[in-house]
C-alpha atoms as a PDB file:
ATOM      1  CA  MET A   1     158.128  10.496 122.350  1.00  0.00           C
ATOM      2  CA  LYS A   2     154.967   8.824 121.048  1.00  0.00           C
ATOM      3  CA  ASN A   3     157.061   7.583 118.112  1.00  0.00           C
ATOM      4  CA  PHE A   4     159.023   5.421 120.558  1.00  0.00           C
ATOM      5  CA  PRO A   5     156.522   2.855 121.876  1.00  0.00           C
ATOM      6  CA  GLN A   6     158.902   1.060 124.233  1.00  0.00           C
ATOM      7  CA  ASN A   7     159.088   1.699 127.959  1.00  0.00           C
ATOM      8  CA  GLN A   8     160.681   5.038 128.726  1.00  0.00           C
ATOM      9  CA  ILE A   9     162.363   6.644 131.693  1.00  0.00           C
ATOM     10  CA  ILE A  10     162.983  10.354 131.242  1.00  0.00           C
ATOM     11  CA  GLY A  11     164.966  12.096 133.929  1.00  0.00           C
ATOM     12  CA  GLY A  12     167.253  14.952 134.589  1.00  0.00           C
ATOM     13  CA  ASP A  13     167.707  18.584 135.449  1.00  0.00           C
ATOM     14  CA  PHE A  14     164.615  20.286 134.056  1.00  0.00           C
ATOM     15  CA  ASN A  15     164.987  23.445 136.207  1.00  0.00           C
ATOM     16  CA  LEU A  16     161.219  23.543 136.623  1.00  0.00           C
ATOM     17  CA  ASP A  17     158.926  23.891 139.583  1.00  0.00           C
ATOM     18  CA  LEU A  18     156.656  20.988 140.451  1.00  0.00           C
ATOM     19  CA  ASN A  19     153.523  22.922 139.441  1.00  0.00           C
ATOM     20  CA  THR A  20     154.510  24.184 135.992  1.00  0.00           C
ATOM     21  CA  LYS A  21     152.666  23.418 132.774  1.00  0.00           C
ATOM     22  CA  SER A  22     155.752  21.698 131.353  1.00  0.00           C
ATOM     23  CA  VAL A  23     155.697  19.157 134.177  1.00  0.00           C
ATOM     24  CA  SER A  24     151.942  18.625 133.930  1.00  0.00           C
ATOM     25  CA  LEU A  25     152.277  17.912 130.184  1.00  0.00           C
ATOM     26  CA  PHE A  26     154.217  14.743 131.024  1.00  0.00           C
ATOM     27  CA  GLU A  27     151.453  13.692 133.421  1.00  0.00           C
ATOM     28  CA  GLU A  28     148.711  14.536 130.896  1.00  0.00           C
ATOM     29  CA  ASN A  29     150.457  12.277 128.386  1.00  0.00           C
ATOM     30  CA  GLY A  30     150.522   9.249 130.655  1.00  0.00           C
ATOM     31  CA  TYR A  31     153.869   9.601 132.393  1.00  0.00           C
ATOM     32  CA  GLN A  32     154.261   8.906 136.090  1.00  0.00           C
ATOM     33  CA  ASN A  33     155.871  11.840 137.906  1.00  0.00           C
ATOM     34  CA  LEU A  34     157.908  10.106 140.604  1.00  0.00           C
ATOM     35  CA  ILE A  35     158.721  13.364 142.408  1.00  0.00           C
ATOM     36  CA  LYS A  36     155.008  13.979 142.874  1.00  0.00           C
ATOM     37  CA  GLU A  37     153.954  10.358 143.462  1.00  0.00           C
ATOM     38  CA  PHE A  38     156.553   9.808 146.165  1.00  0.00           C
ATOM     39  CA  CYS A  39     155.887  13.226 147.793  1.00  0.00           C
ATOM     40  CA  ILE A  40     159.511  14.349 147.437  1.00  0.00           C
ATOM     41  CA  GLY A  41     159.988  17.694 149.214  1.00  0.00           C
ATOM     42  CA  ASN A  42     162.834  19.031 147.089  1.00  0.00           C
ATOM     43  CA  THR A  43     165.583  18.077 144.689  1.00  0.00           C
ATOM     44  CA  ARG A  44     167.845  21.019 145.528  1.00  0.00           C
ATOM     45  CA  ASN A  45     169.874  21.714 148.659  1.00  0.00           C
ATOM     46  CA  GLU A  46     171.820  24.268 150.648  1.00  0.00           C
ATOM     47  CA  VAL A  47     174.692  24.221 148.130  1.00  0.00           C
ATOM     48  CA  SER A  48     172.274  25.619 145.548  1.00  0.00           C
ATOM     49  CA  TRP A  49     170.519  28.025 147.899  1.00  0.00           C
ATOM     50  CA  ALA A  50     173.777  29.496 149.227  1.00  0.00           C
ATOM     51  CA  GLN A  51     174.707  30.617 145.709  1.00  0.00           C
ATOM     52  CA  TYR A  52     171.700  32.965 145.593  1.00  0.00           C
ATOM     53  CA  PRO A  53     171.033  34.091 149.175  1.00  0.00           C
ATOM     54  CA  ASN A  54     168.745  36.968 148.157  1.00  0.00           C
ATOM     55  CA  HIS A  55     166.444  34.831 146.011  1.00  0.00           C
ATOM     56  CA  GLU A  56     163.572  32.564 146.921  1.00  0.00           C
ATOM     57  CA  LYS A  57     164.716  28.979 147.350  1.00  0.00           C
ATOM     58  CA  GLN A  58     164.155  26.788 144.311  1.00  0.00           C
ATOM     59  CA  HIS A  59     163.042  23.448 145.726  1.00  0.00           C
ATOM     60  CA  PHE A  60     162.696  21.518 142.478  1.00  0.00           C
ATOM     61  CA  ALA A  61     164.800  21.168 139.375  1.00  0.00           C
ATOM     62  CA  ASP A  62     165.147  17.437 138.791  1.00  0.00           C
ATOM     63  CA  PHE A  63     162.479  14.963 137.745  1.00  0.00           C
ATOM     64  CA  LEU A  64     161.942  11.332 136.774  1.00  0.00           C
ATOM     65  CA  PHE A  65     159.060  10.435 134.464  1.00  0.00           C
ATOM     66  CA  LEU A  66     158.085   6.865 133.522  1.00  0.00           C
ATOM     67  CA  ASN A  67     155.661   6.105 130.711  1.00  0.00           C
ATOM     68  CA  SER A  68     154.810   2.547 131.623  1.00  0.00           C
ATOM     69  CA  ASP A  69     153.854   0.365 134.509  1.00  0.00           C
ATOM     70  CA  PHE A  70     157.390  -0.263 135.650  1.00  0.00           C
ATOM     71  CA  LYS A  71     157.687  -2.293 138.831  1.00  0.00           C
ATOM     72  CA  ILE A  72     159.400   0.228 141.088  1.00  0.00           C
ATOM     73  CA  ASN A  73     161.398  -1.476 143.818  1.00  0.00           C
ATOM     74  CA  TYR A  74     162.811   1.702 145.301  1.00  0.00           C
ATOM     75  CA  PHE A  75     162.841   5.442 144.686  1.00  0.00           C
ATOM     76  CA  ALA A  76     164.440   8.063 146.904  1.00  0.00           C
ATOM     77  CA  VAL A  77     166.001  11.501 146.828  1.00  0.00           C
ATOM     78  CA  PRO A  78     168.421  11.514 149.771  1.00  0.00           C
ATOM     79  CA  TYR A  79     169.644  14.829 151.158  1.00  0.00           C
ATOM     80  CA  ILE A  80     173.320  14.591 150.225  1.00  0.00           C
ATOM     81  CA  GLU A  81     175.275  17.777 149.538  1.00  0.00           C
ATOM     82  CA  ILE A  82     177.663  16.541 146.848  1.00  0.00           C
ATOM     83  CA  SER A  83     176.270  18.900 144.232  1.00  0.00           C
ATOM     84  CA  ASP A  84     173.685  21.668 144.026  1.00  0.00           C
ATOM     85  CA  HIS A  85     171.247  18.895 143.013  1.00  0.00           C
ATOM     86  CA  LEU A  86     170.179  15.958 145.132  1.00  0.00           C
ATOM     87  CA  PRO A  87     170.661  12.468 143.667  1.00  0.00           C
ATOM     88  CA  LEU A  88     167.609  10.663 142.292  1.00  0.00           C
ATOM     89  CA  ILE A  89     167.876   6.940 142.995  1.00  0.00           C
ATOM     90  CA  LEU A  90     165.565   4.565 141.143  1.00  0.00           C
ATOM     91  CA  GLU A  91     165.534   0.790 141.230  1.00  0.00           C
ATOM     92  CA  ILE A  92     163.119  -1.048 138.942  1.00  0.00           C
ATOM     93  CA  ASN A  93     162.409  -4.707 138.394  1.00  0.00           C
ATOM     94  CA  THR A  94     163.443  -5.623 134.860  1.00  0.00           C
ATOM     95  CA  SER A  95     162.430  -9.300 134.979  1.00  0.00           C
ATOM     96  CA  LYS A  96     159.721 -10.393 132.552  1.00  0.00           C
ATOM     97  CA  ASN A  97     157.846 -12.376 135.220  1.00  0.00           C
END
């Protein structure tokens, strides 16, 4: 991604725990980890956990990483069971002022 110098937002279903090396590599390379910064408790829900009742609950799968000083107006992960993943909602200020 270093070949793309513009502002970047990388997000999606990484299926990783918060404390894995893959996640820390983003942080080590200058990306903000919004899940960590905003102290989000989980990005999964009961829909996911009910599928595997005999397994330990996976609390994280989805992440948002930003490589620049975006002006974040709002970030939330509301507990809404419309999928086995919770929605990640990000609002940034795109004005040049």
